Amino acid sequence: MNKDTIEGNWKQLKGKAKEQWGKLTDDDFDVIAGKRDQLLGRIQERHGISRDEAEKQVKDWESRDGRTPEALWFEKY
């Protein structure tokens, strides 16, 4: 499974991402479609932050509930 694709869990994660990054639109989430790199780019664009800051925020978000990023992206709900 591709580490940069989270499509399997995207529906569950999308709601959490909406809470975290409120400036992202439904259209943004359609473009992101479970791709971590797209999520980073859209966060950077909508929130006017650097790529490094977007990466930091996503890493913090990934680890917030105590699971590893890999578990978050690939866990089956």
C-alpha atoms as a PDB file:
ATOM      1  CA  MET A   1       0.000   0.000   0.000  1.00  0.00           C
ATOM      2  CA  ASN A   2       1.292   3.458  -0.884  1.00  0.00           C
ATOM      3  CA  LYS A   3       2.230   5.427   2.229  1.00  0.00           C
ATOM      4  CA  ASP A   4       1.063   8.679   0.647  1.00  0.00           C
ATOM      5  CA  THR A   5      -2.456   7.387  -0.010  1.00  0.00           C
ATOM      6  CA  ILE A   6      -5.034   7.158   2.740  1.00  0.00           C
ATOM      7  CA  GLU A   7      -8.083   6.520   0.610  1.00  0.00           C
ATOM      8  CA  GLY A   8      -9.298   3.566   2.665  1.00  0.00           C
ATOM      9  CA  ASN A   9      -9.810   5.661   5.794  1.00  0.00           C
ATOM     10  CA  TRP A  10     -10.395   8.983   4.120  1.00  0.00           C
ATOM     11  CA  LYS A  11     -14.077   9.285   5.010  1.00  0.00           C
ATOM     12  CA  GLN A  12     -13.358   8.920   8.721  1.00  0.00           C
ATOM     13  CA  LEU A  13     -10.266  11.117   8.640  1.00  0.00           C
ATOM     14  CA  LYS A  14     -11.942  13.825   6.572  1.00  0.00           C
ATOM     15  CA  GLY A  15     -14.149  14.928   9.465  1.00  0.00           C
ATOM     16  CA  LYS A  16     -11.159  15.161  11.783  1.00  0.00           C
ATOM     17  CA  ALA A  17      -9.222  17.127   9.177  1.00  0.00           C
ATOM     18  CA  LYS A  18     -12.151  19.541   8.745  1.00  0.00           C
ATOM     19  CA  GLU A  19     -12.062  20.245  12.472  1.00  0.00           C
ATOM     20  CA  GLN A  20      -8.312  20.843  12.396  1.00  0.00           C
ATOM     21  CA  TRP A  21      -8.114  22.987   9.244  1.00  0.00           C
ATOM     22  CA  GLY A  22     -11.367  24.928   9.015  1.00  0.00           C
ATOM     23  CA  LYS A  23     -10.405  26.904   5.925  1.00  0.00           C
ATOM     24  CA  LEU A  24     -10.385  23.782   3.759  1.00  0.00           C
ATOM     25  CA  THR A  25     -13.511  23.460   1.636  1.00  0.00           C
ATOM     26  CA  ASP A  26     -15.447  20.405   0.497  1.00  0.00           C
ATOM     27  CA  ASP A  27     -13.939  20.999  -2.944  1.00  0.00           C
ATOM     28  CA  ASP A  28     -10.470  20.900  -1.367  1.00  0.00           C
ATOM     29  CA  PHE A  29     -11.299  17.568   0.227  1.00  0.00           C
ATOM     30  CA  ASP A  30     -12.507  16.242  -3.133  1.00  0.00           C
ATOM     31  CA  VAL A  31      -9.119  17.181  -4.635  1.00  0.00           C
ATOM     32  CA  ILE A  32      -7.183  15.794  -1.656  1.00  0.00           C
ATOM     33  CA  ALA A  33      -9.037  12.466  -2.003  1.00  0.00           C
ATOM     34  CA  GLY A  34      -6.932  10.741   0.623  1.00  0.00           C
ATOM     35  CA  LYS A  35      -3.533  11.829  -0.674  1.00  0.00           C
ATOM     36  CA  ARG A  36      -1.267  13.142   2.075  1.00  0.00           C
ATOM     37  CA  ASP A  37       0.772  15.309  -0.305  1.00  0.00           C
ATOM     38  CA  GLN A  38      -2.406  16.985  -1.577  1.00  0.00           C
ATOM     39  CA  LEU A  39      -3.510  17.593   2.012  1.00  0.00           C
ATOM     40  CA  LEU A  40      -0.195  19.325   2.734  1.00  0.00           C
ATOM     41  CA  GLY A  41      -0.492  21.525  -0.347  1.00  0.00           C
ATOM     42  CA  ARG A  42      -4.052  22.570   0.372  1.00  0.00           C
ATOM     43  CA  ILE A  43      -3.285  23.371   4.015  1.00  0.00           C
ATOM     44  CA  GLN A  44      -0.321  25.436   2.894  1.00  0.00           C
ATOM     45  CA  GLU A  45      -2.390  27.311   0.302  1.00  0.00           C
ATOM     46  CA  ARG A  46      -5.558  27.949   2.327  1.00  0.00           C
ATOM     47  CA  HIS A  47      -3.869  28.807   5.605  1.00  0.00           C
ATOM     48  CA  GLY A  48      -0.986  30.801   4.099  1.00  0.00           C
ATOM     49  CA  ILE A  49       1.761  28.814   5.795  1.00  0.00           C
ATOM     50  CA  SER A  50       5.043  27.293   4.658  1.00  0.00           C
ATOM     51  CA  ARG A  51       5.360  23.712   3.490  1.00  0.00           C
ATOM     52  CA  ASP A  52       7.441  22.948   6.577  1.00  0.00           C
ATOM     53  CA  GLU A  53       4.742  24.352   8.872  1.00  0.00           C
ATOM     54  CA  ALA A  54       2.049  22.364   7.041  1.00  0.00           C
ATOM     55  CA  GLU A  55       4.155  19.217   7.452  1.00  0.00           C
ATOM     56  CA  LYS A  56       4.587  19.936  11.165  1.00  0.00           C
ATOM     57  CA  GLN A  57       0.847  20.449  11.629  1.00  0.00           C
ATOM     58  CA  VAL A  58      -0.005  17.232   9.797  1.00  0.00           C
ATOM     59  CA  LYS A  59       2.554  15.266  11.809  1.00  0.00           C
ATOM     60  CA  ASP A  60       1.103  16.677  15.035  1.00  0.00           C
ATOM     61  CA  TRP A  61      -2.407  15.787  13.827  1.00  0.00           C
ATOM     62  CA  GLU A  62      -1.319  12.293  12.848  1.00  0.00           C
ATOM     63  CA  SER A  63       0.107  11.548  16.284  1.00  0.00           C
ATOM     64  CA  ARG A  64      -2.566  13.280  18.349  1.00  0.00           C
ATOM     65  CA  ASP A  65      -4.484  10.159  19.313  1.00  0.00           C
ATOM     66  CA  GLY A  66      -1.384   8.118  20.136  1.00  0.00           C
ATOM     67  CA  ARG A  67      -1.229   5.978  17.015  1.00  0.00           C
ATOM     68  CA  THR A  68       1.673   6.039  14.612  1.00  0.00           C
ATOM     69  CA  PRO A  69       1.051   7.901  11.342  1.00  0.00           C
ATOM     70  CA  GLU A  70       1.139   4.586   9.495  1.00  0.00           C
ATOM     71  CA  ALA A  71      -1.568   3.183  11.758  1.00  0.00           C
ATOM     72  CA  LEU A  72      -3.687   6.298  11.295  1.00  0.00           C
ATOM     73  CA  TRP A  73      -3.505   6.176   7.511  1.00  0.00           C
ATOM     74  CA  PHE A  74      -3.889   2.431   7.059  1.00  0.00           C
ATOM     75  CA  GLU A  75      -5.973   1.192   9.998  1.00  0.00           C
ATOM     76  CA  LYS A  76      -9.240  -0.384   8.999  1.00  0.00           C
ATOM     77  CA  TYR A  77     -12.173   1.008  10.943  1.00  0.00           C
END
